[in-house]
Structures are given as structure tokens and as C-alpha cells.
Amino acid sequence: MNALTVLLALLAACANAAASVLMRRAAMEPGQGQGHAATEPKDDPEGPNDPDDPDGPDAPDSADGPSGPSRRDRRLPWLAGAGLLAGSAVAQAAALAVGSLSVVQPLLASELLFMLAIGGAVFHRRPGRTTWLSFLALAAGLALFLGAAAPSAGRATADASRWVPVAVGVGCVVLVLAVVARFVRAAPRAAVLGLASAVLFAATAALLKEVAGRIPEGPAALAAHWTTYATAVTGLAAFGLLQCAFRAGTLVASQPALTLGDALTSTALGWALFGEHIALGARVLPETAGVALIAAGTVGLSRCPEVSGEWDARSASAPRPVAGRDGRRREAPAATESTRATPERA
């Protein structure tokens, strides 16, 4: 296993995780994040018409207003997240250029680990014991699977004759999964759509590897080759299916199918297209154990608030400021079980 491949794949996963955290931070509703002191209730003995009151009716827009600094503060993390997403794509392409699909794509599952560490630091949430156990299970599963499988490097580009049967096979699998998704609801639907998007993400990675392998031929050859455009189309289709999976059910339902589906499909595509091989025989047992640990860790991490999107949620039992009819801010009573909002879907 190439050390440079591992390093680049982990760098891509880390950049993607940081981008998700920054974009999540930027999308937070004003007043629910850190540093928004304007939402804190304060005593106002002079009433709402006090001309010296910065929160009075004639005051300029506050930090949470549409033109206040909070919008500007949120734009910077979003732009930084977008830049990290682009950097993640470049790192993934570089990893695929020097390594195999069977190594790079499973390592991208470590994004959940980086998201846990970065998100916990940004939102000041200390992970619980179950979260750490899930963290260790996923890390151990990745190490066990890749160590036992020992994927070979394979070829830099695939034979042109192999793309047609592989494309037909991938298309049929995705079509069947899309049809099945129409007959199920809730968690099963999210899992099926997550698996369909995983197959397309794996196909996108295979196309990206082909593009990376043709970079030495020059820009003109890349612009003329069909895989350059197929990579973009397949990637957009995979992203669209992933959004459908997130809308259909919770992250707990879709993430395991997405993580395992991408890793296993990439291993199959690496063998079919680029001649990559993994060790079988007696090593199947530790490989299976590694896959099981990856599944258990993924389920556990997708349940934890640091990954599922509840890490920055306001405590349901904490009082929240509301504006009365007279314009003054007061503390609302804590939410009860009947009025508490359901957790946001990731």
C-alpha cells in the first residue's frame, strides 16, 4: 500500500470534513451559534422607547439583522468551506492518480472521524463514551480491512473495451435500486437511495482515476476524452441521489449504506477496470470482520450529534429569548416534550 496514497486520501477526507463543519457553521440560524450576544435577554428598565437603548425600535440593524455583521461573518466560513471542498477533490484525484480505488475510497470513510474531531472543537461539544467507541470501531475496521485485503495498485487507466459492460452494470444496479426505492418509505427508502448514490460515487471515483491517469497526455487530450465529462455528469447524479436519501430518512439509515456501498463498489470497479486485486482465501475472515467494524462504527457515528447535525443545536431545556408585543425581549419557558422540535436531518 502506497504511503503517499494513504496520506492524500486522508487529506481529502479531512478537507471534506472541515468543509462540512464550516458550511454547517455558516448555515446556523443567527442567535443559535457562538458569539451572538445580541440574542441574550437583558434588563431594560427604561422600556422599548428609550432613545439610548441600542435594542430599541429605532436602533440600527443588530448583528443578527440581514445587513449586520453576522451575515458577513457567516459568508467567510462558507467560502472557506467551498475552497476546502475544491481542495478535497484535488487531493482525491491526486490519491487516485498514484494509488488504487480499493485503497482511496474506503479511506474516505475516515471523513466521519475528522468531522467528529473538528466539529467537536468548533461547536465545543465533548464526545460521549458511545461516540468514542464508534470512532475506534470505524478506525479499527478501516485498518483491519485494508491491512488484510492489501489491495494492489493496478493500472493507471482502464482498457476502453471494459467501460461499456461496467457502465451497463452500474446503470442497471442504480436503476433497480431507484425502482425499489419507490416501493418503500422512511428508513428503508433512505438506505436504498444511499446505496444507489454510493454506487454512483464509486463510479465517479473510477472515472476520476481515469482522468487523473490521462493528465500526462496534456490538456487537449483531456478536453477531448469522454471521461472528463462523464465524471461531472455522474458526480452530479450521485449528489442528487444523496440529497434524495437525506430527505427520505435519517442519516442513521442512509450513512451505513453510503459508506459501505462506496467502499465495496470501488473495490469491485478497481478489479473490473484497472486490474486491482485484494487478497482472498484465509484473509476473507479478517476482511469481513473489518467490514463489520466499519458498519458498526458508521452507525454509531451517524447517531451522535457531532456528526448528525445536532452538535450546534440549542439545548432543548435552555430558555430562549423571544420578543413580546411591546418589543421587549423576554425568556420563553423551556420546551416540553410536546413542543420540542424534532432534530434536524443532516
Protein backbone atom coordinates (compact mmCIF):
# COMPACT_ATOMS: atom_id res chain seq x y z
CA MET A 1 0.00 0.00 0.00
CA ASN A 2 1.49 3.33 -1.10
CA ALA A 3 2.05 5.69 1.86
CA LEU A 4 1.52 8.72 -0.39
CA THR A 5 -1.87 7.33 -1.47
CA VAL A 6 -2.94 6.94 2.15
CA LEU A 7 -1.74 10.44 3.03
CA LEU A 8 -3.55 12.07 0.10
CA ALA A 9 -6.76 10.14 0.76
CA LEU A 10 -6.74 11.13 4.44
CA LEU A 11 -6.05 14.73 3.43
CA ALA A 12 -9.06 14.64 1.11
CA ALA A 13 -11.25 13.20 3.88
CA CYS A 14 -10.04 15.81 6.37
CA ALA A 15 -10.66 18.68 3.95
CA ASN A 16 -14.14 17.39 3.17
CA ALA A 17 -14.95 17.07 6.88
CA ALA A 18 -13.68 20.59 7.61
CA ALA A 19 -15.74 21.92 4.70
CA SER A 20 -18.88 20.27 6.09
CA VAL A 21 -18.25 21.76 9.53
CA LEU A 22 -17.60 25.26 8.17
CA MET A 23 -20.66 25.20 5.94
CA ARG A 24 -22.76 23.90 8.81
CA ARG A 25 -21.38 26.72 10.96
CA ALA A 26 -22.19 29.26 8.27
CA ALA A 27 -25.74 27.94 7.87
CA MET A 28 -26.54 28.24 11.56
CA GLU A 29 -29.53 30.43 12.31
CA PRO A 30 -28.42 33.75 13.83
CA GLY A 31 -28.57 33.61 17.59
CA GLN A 32 -28.05 29.87 17.87
CA GLY A 33 -24.32 29.85 17.32
CA GLN A 34 -21.44 31.14 19.29
CA GLY A 35 -20.74 34.78 19.79
CA HIS A 36 -24.23 36.11 19.07
CA ALA A 37 -24.66 38.12 22.20
CA ALA A 38 -27.41 40.18 20.59
CA THR A 39 -29.91 37.44 21.27
CA GLU A 40 -29.26 37.33 25.00
CA PRO A 41 -32.05 38.84 27.09
CA LYS A 42 -31.14 41.90 29.11
CA ASP A 43 -32.88 44.15 31.59
CA ASP A 44 -34.50 47.24 30.07
CA PRO A 45 -35.79 49.46 32.85
CA GLU A 46 -36.45 52.41 30.52
CA GLY A 47 -38.75 50.47 28.23
CA PRO A 48 -38.64 49.95 24.48
CA ASN A 49 -38.75 53.67 23.64
CA ASP A 50 -35.55 54.56 25.44
CA PRO A 51 -33.54 56.59 22.88
CA ASP A 52 -30.27 55.36 24.40
CA ASP A 53 -31.26 51.72 24.13
CA PRO A 54 -29.30 50.04 21.32
CA ASP A 55 -32.06 47.47 21.04
CA GLY A 56 -34.87 49.96 20.76
CA PRO A 57 -37.24 50.18 17.80
CA ASP A 58 -35.21 52.94 16.13
CA ALA A 59 -31.87 51.21 16.57
CA PRO A 60 -29.88 50.16 13.51
CA ASP A 61 -29.76 46.56 12.43
CA SER A 62 -28.22 44.34 15.06
CA ALA A 63 -25.54 41.79 14.47
CA ASP A 64 -28.26 39.32 13.63
CA GLY A 65 -30.00 41.57 11.17
CA PRO A 66 -29.99 40.91 7.45
CA SER A 67 -27.38 43.59 6.81
CA GLY A 68 -25.44 43.26 10.05
CA PRO A 69 -22.02 41.75 10.52
CA SER A 70 -23.45 38.28 11.22
CA ARG A 71 -24.17 37.79 7.54
CA ARG A 72 -20.64 38.80 6.69
CA ASP A 73 -19.31 36.54 9.43
CA ARG A 74 -21.26 33.61 8.02
CA ARG A 75 -20.11 34.24 4.46
CA LEU A 76 -16.44 33.78 5.32
CA PRO A 77 -16.83 30.26 6.76
CA TRP A 78 -18.99 29.28 3.78
CA LEU A 79 -16.38 30.50 1.30
CA ALA A 80 -13.66 28.73 3.26
CA GLY A 81 -15.75 25.55 3.19
CA ALA A 82 -16.22 25.83 -0.57
CA GLY A 83 -12.47 26.24 -1.01
CA LEU A 84 -11.84 23.16 1.13
CA LEU A 85 -14.30 21.16 -0.97
CA ALA A 86 -12.33 22.06 -4.08
CA GLY A 87 -9.10 21.12 -2.30
CA SER A 88 -10.64 17.81 -1.25
CA ALA A 89 -11.46 17.00 -4.88
CA VAL A 90 -7.90 17.79 -5.92
CA ALA A 91 -6.45 15.64 -3.13
CA GLN A 92 -8.76 12.75 -4.05
CA ALA A 93 -7.75 12.99 -7.71
CA ALA A 94 -4.08 13.01 -6.72
CA ALA A 95 -4.60 9.97 -4.47
CA LEU A 96 -6.32 8.09 -7.30
CA ALA A 97 -3.52 9.04 -9.67
CA VAL A 98 -0.87 7.37 -7.52
CA GLY A 99 -2.97 4.66 -5.83
CA SER A 100 -5.88 2.28 -6.27
CA LEU A 101 -9.62 2.70 -5.93
CA SER A 102 -9.63 -0.14 -3.41
CA VAL A 103 -7.49 1.94 -1.05
CA VAL A 104 -8.63 5.51 -1.66
CA GLN A 105 -12.40 5.11 -1.44
CA PRO A 106 -12.51 3.10 1.82
CA LEU A 107 -10.15 5.64 3.40
CA LEU A 108 -12.57 8.44 2.53
CA ALA A 109 -14.89 6.94 5.17
CA SER A 110 -12.50 8.46 7.71
CA GLU A 111 -14.27 11.75 6.94
CA LEU A 112 -16.64 10.85 9.80
CA LEU A 113 -13.67 10.63 12.17
CA PHE A 114 -12.32 14.02 11.12
CA MET A 115 -15.80 15.52 11.29
CA LEU A 116 -16.13 14.31 14.86
CA ALA A 117 -12.82 15.87 15.90
CA ILE A 118 -13.20 19.16 14.01
CA GLY A 119 -16.91 19.61 14.75
CA GLY A 120 -16.46 18.89 18.43
CA ALA A 121 -13.75 21.57 18.63
CA VAL A 122 -15.71 24.17 16.65
CA PHE A 123 -19.01 23.70 18.50
CA HIS A 124 -17.46 22.95 21.90
CA ARG A 125 -19.14 19.57 22.27
CA ARG A 126 -17.28 16.86 24.14
CA PRO A 127 -17.99 13.46 22.56
CA GLY A 128 -19.56 10.84 24.81
CA ARG A 129 -18.33 7.34 25.50
CA THR A 130 -20.53 5.76 22.81
CA THR A 131 -19.23 8.23 20.25
CA TRP A 132 -15.62 7.42 21.08
CA LEU A 133 -16.31 3.69 20.89
CA SER A 134 -17.85 4.21 17.44
CA PHE A 135 -14.83 6.29 16.48
CA LEU A 136 -12.48 3.46 17.47
CA ALA A 137 -14.63 0.82 15.74
CA LEU A 138 -14.55 2.67 12.42
CA ALA A 139 -10.81 3.36 12.64
CA ALA A 140 -10.05 -0.25 13.58
CA GLY A 141 -12.34 -1.57 10.84
CA LEU A 142 -10.60 0.50 8.17
CA ALA A 143 -7.16 -0.60 9.35
CA LEU A 144 -8.19 -4.26 9.57
CA PHE A 145 -9.88 -4.35 6.16
CA LEU A 146 -7.11 -2.56 4.27
CA GLY A 147 -4.37 -4.45 6.11
CA ALA A 148 -5.92 -7.85 5.36
CA ALA A 149 -7.02 -7.04 1.80
CA ALA A 150 -3.65 -5.48 0.80
CA PRO A 151 -5.07 -4.03 -2.47
CA SER A 152 -2.70 -3.98 -5.44
CA ALA A 153 -2.06 -0.81 -7.41
CA GLY A 154 -3.38 -1.93 -10.79
CA ARG A 155 -3.16 0.11 -13.99
CA ALA A 156 -3.31 3.90 -14.26
CA THR A 157 -6.01 3.77 -16.95
CA ALA A 158 -8.57 1.17 -17.98
CA ASP A 159 -8.94 -0.62 -21.31
CA ALA A 160 -11.55 1.15 -23.41
CA SER A 161 -13.41 -2.13 -24.00
CA ARG A 162 -14.11 -2.52 -20.28
CA TRP A 163 -16.03 0.70 -19.83
CA VAL A 164 -19.15 -0.36 -21.75
CA PRO A 165 -20.02 -3.50 -19.71
CA VAL A 166 -19.12 -1.73 -16.47
CA ALA A 167 -21.30 1.26 -17.37
CA VAL A 168 -24.20 -1.05 -18.24
CA GLY A 169 -23.78 -2.93 -14.96
CA VAL A 170 -23.62 0.26 -12.86
CA GLY A 171 -26.62 1.72 -14.69
CA CYS A 172 -28.69 -1.43 -14.12
CA VAL A 173 -27.84 -1.56 -10.41
CA VAL A 174 -28.75 2.10 -9.90
CA LEU A 175 -31.97 1.70 -11.91
CA VAL A 176 -33.05 -1.34 -9.89
CA LEU A 177 -32.32 0.47 -6.62
CA ALA A 178 -34.26 3.53 -7.79
CA VAL A 179 -37.27 1.32 -8.64
CA VAL A 180 -37.07 -0.43 -5.27
CA ALA A 181 -36.94 2.95 -3.52
CA ARG A 182 -40.34 3.83 -5.00
CA PHE A 183 -41.98 0.94 -3.11
CA VAL A 184 -40.51 1.59 0.34
CA ARG A 185 -40.66 4.51 2.71
CA ALA A 186 -38.75 6.13 5.57
CA ALA A 187 -35.56 4.33 6.69
CA PRO A 188 -35.57 1.56 4.03
CA ARG A 189 -36.02 4.17 1.31
CA ALA A 190 -33.13 6.24 2.68
CA ALA A 191 -30.92 3.15 2.83
CA VAL A 192 -31.74 2.11 -0.75
CA LEU A 193 -31.17 5.62 -2.11
CA GLY A 194 -27.97 5.89 -0.06
CA LEU A 195 -26.73 2.67 -1.65
CA ALA A 196 -27.65 3.93 -5.13
CA SER A 197 -25.73 7.15 -4.55
CA ALA A 198 -22.78 5.12 -3.21
CA VAL A 199 -22.63 3.11 -6.44
CA LEU A 200 -22.59 6.34 -8.46
CA PHE A 201 -19.97 7.91 -6.19
CA ALA A 202 -17.78 4.86 -6.71
CA ALA A 203 -18.31 5.14 -10.48
CA THR A 204 -17.39 8.83 -10.26
CA ALA A 205 -14.18 7.93 -8.45
CA ALA A 206 -13.36 5.36 -11.15
CA LEU A 207 -13.89 7.99 -13.85
CA LEU A 208 -11.81 10.47 -11.88
CA LYS A 209 -8.99 7.93 -11.68
CA GLU A 210 -9.15 7.52 -15.45
CA VAL A 211 -8.98 11.30 -15.92
CA ALA A 212 -6.05 11.55 -13.49
CA GLY A 213 -4.24 8.78 -15.37
CA ARG A 214 -4.57 10.74 -18.62
CA ILE A 215 -3.19 14.01 -17.27
CA PRO A 216 0.29 13.30 -18.72
CA GLU A 217 -1.30 13.29 -22.19
CA GLY A 218 -1.94 17.03 -21.88
CA PRO A 219 -4.95 19.39 -21.58
CA ALA A 220 -6.05 18.88 -25.17
CA ALA A 221 -6.34 15.12 -24.73
CA LEU A 222 -8.29 15.58 -21.51
CA ALA A 223 -10.70 18.01 -23.15
CA ALA A 224 -11.30 15.57 -25.99
CA HIS A 225 -11.79 12.45 -23.86
CA TRP A 226 -15.32 11.45 -22.86
CA THR A 227 -14.42 10.50 -19.28
CA THR A 228 -13.80 14.15 -18.38
CA TYR A 229 -17.45 14.99 -18.97
CA ALA A 230 -18.80 11.68 -17.71
CA THR A 231 -17.09 12.37 -14.36
CA ALA A 232 -19.02 15.62 -13.94
CA VAL A 233 -22.36 14.12 -15.00
CA THR A 234 -22.01 11.03 -12.80
CA GLY A 235 -20.88 13.11 -9.83
CA LEU A 236 -23.90 15.41 -10.12
CA ALA A 237 -26.24 12.42 -10.39
CA ALA A 238 -24.66 10.86 -7.29
CA PHE A 239 -25.01 14.12 -5.37
CA GLY A 240 -28.67 14.41 -6.39
CA LEU A 241 -29.43 10.86 -5.24
CA LEU A 242 -27.67 11.57 -1.95
CA GLN A 243 -29.93 14.57 -1.32
CA CYS A 244 -32.95 12.36 -2.02
CA ALA A 245 -31.61 9.84 0.51
CA PHE A 246 -31.23 12.55 3.15
CA ARG A 247 -34.78 13.75 2.55
CA ALA A 248 -36.19 10.22 2.68
CA GLY A 249 -34.84 9.33 6.13
CA THR A 250 -32.29 9.99 8.82
CA LEU A 251 -28.54 9.89 8.50
CA VAL A 252 -28.54 6.69 10.55
CA ALA A 253 -30.48 4.99 7.74
CA SER A 254 -28.51 6.29 4.76
CA GLN A 255 -24.91 6.68 6.00
CA PRO A 256 -24.03 2.99 6.54
CA ALA A 257 -25.26 2.08 3.05
CA LEU A 258 -23.38 5.05 1.62
CA THR A 259 -20.10 4.29 3.41
CA LEU A 260 -20.02 0.54 2.83
CA GLY A 261 -21.56 0.73 -0.63
CA ASP A 262 -18.92 3.17 -1.84
CA ALA A 263 -16.03 1.12 -0.42
CA LEU A 264 -17.22 -2.26 -1.72
CA THR A 265 -18.33 -0.95 -5.13
CA SER A 266 -14.99 0.82 -5.56
CA THR A 267 -13.18 -2.44 -4.80
CA ALA A 268 -15.24 -4.20 -7.47
CA LEU A 269 -14.70 -1.41 -10.03
CA GLY A 270 -10.98 -1.37 -9.30
CA TRP A 271 -10.83 -5.07 -10.13
CA ALA A 272 -13.04 -4.83 -13.23
CA LEU A 273 -11.48 -1.70 -14.75
CA PHE A 274 -7.93 -1.29 -13.52
CA GLY A 275 -6.86 -4.82 -12.69
CA GLU A 276 -6.64 -4.22 -8.94
CA HIS A 277 -6.76 -7.26 -6.67
CA ILE A 278 -7.35 -7.89 -2.99
CA ALA A 279 -6.14 -10.90 -1.02
CA LEU A 280 -8.71 -13.65 -0.55
CA GLY A 281 -8.51 -17.13 0.94
CA ALA A 282 -7.78 -17.10 4.67
CA ARG A 283 -7.81 -13.29 4.69
CA VAL A 284 -11.53 -13.17 3.94
CA LEU A 285 -12.30 -13.63 7.64
CA PRO A 286 -10.40 -10.55 8.89
CA GLU A 287 -11.67 -8.59 5.87
CA THR A 288 -15.24 -9.46 6.84
CA ALA A 289 -14.54 -8.51 10.44
CA GLY A 290 -13.15 -5.19 9.24
CA VAL A 291 -16.27 -4.50 7.17
CA ALA A 292 -18.44 -5.34 10.20
CA LEU A 293 -16.48 -2.91 12.38
CA ILE A 294 -16.78 -0.21 9.72
CA ALA A 295 -20.55 -0.76 9.64
CA ALA A 296 -20.87 -0.66 13.44
CA GLY A 297 -18.72 2.45 13.71
CA THR A 298 -20.59 4.22 10.92
CA VAL A 299 -23.97 3.53 12.54
CA GLY A 300 -22.70 4.75 15.89
CA LEU A 301 -21.14 7.91 14.49
CA SER A 302 -24.19 8.75 12.38
CA ARG A 303 -26.25 8.65 15.59
CA CYS A 304 -24.02 11.01 17.51
CA PRO A 305 -24.90 14.75 17.47
CA GLU A 306 -21.38 15.73 16.37
CA VAL A 307 -21.99 14.06 13.00
CA SER A 308 -25.78 14.01 12.62
CA GLY A 309 -26.04 17.82 12.66
CA GLU A 310 -27.34 18.39 16.20
CA TRP A 311 -23.93 19.44 17.53
CA ASP A 312 -24.77 23.14 17.25
CA ALA A 313 -28.42 22.82 18.29
CA ARG A 314 -29.56 24.88 21.22
CA SER A 315 -30.30 22.85 24.32
CA ALA A 316 -33.98 21.99 24.35
CA SER A 317 -34.22 22.71 28.08
CA ALA A 318 -32.49 26.09 27.91
CA PRO A 319 -34.62 29.25 27.97
CA ARG A 320 -34.67 31.15 24.72
CA PRO A 321 -35.30 34.87 24.26
CA VAL A 322 -38.49 35.95 22.50
CA ALA A 323 -39.89 39.34 21.65
CA GLY A 324 -43.11 40.39 23.40
CA ARG A 325 -45.86 42.53 21.92
CA ASP A 326 -44.19 45.62 23.35
CA GLY A 327 -40.95 44.78 21.55
CA ARG A 328 -39.04 43.88 24.71
CA ARG A 329 -37.09 40.64 24.91
CA ARG A 330 -38.11 38.05 27.47
CA GLU A 331 -37.16 34.48 28.18
CA ALA A 332 -39.54 31.87 26.86
CA PRO A 333 -40.29 28.83 29.03
CA ALA A 334 -38.23 25.74 28.38
CA ALA A 335 -39.58 23.42 25.73
CA THR A 336 -41.62 20.47 26.86
CA GLU A 337 -41.76 17.06 25.27
CA SER A 338 -44.86 18.07 23.33
CA THR A 339 -43.41 21.31 21.98
CA ARG A 340 -39.80 20.31 21.45
CA ALA A 341 -38.74 20.40 17.82
CA THR A 342 -37.59 17.26 16.15
CA PRO A 343 -33.85 17.07 15.41
CA GLU A 344 -32.79 18.42 12.06
CA ARG A 345 -31.93 15.94 9.39
CA ALA A 346 -28.39 16.07 8.19
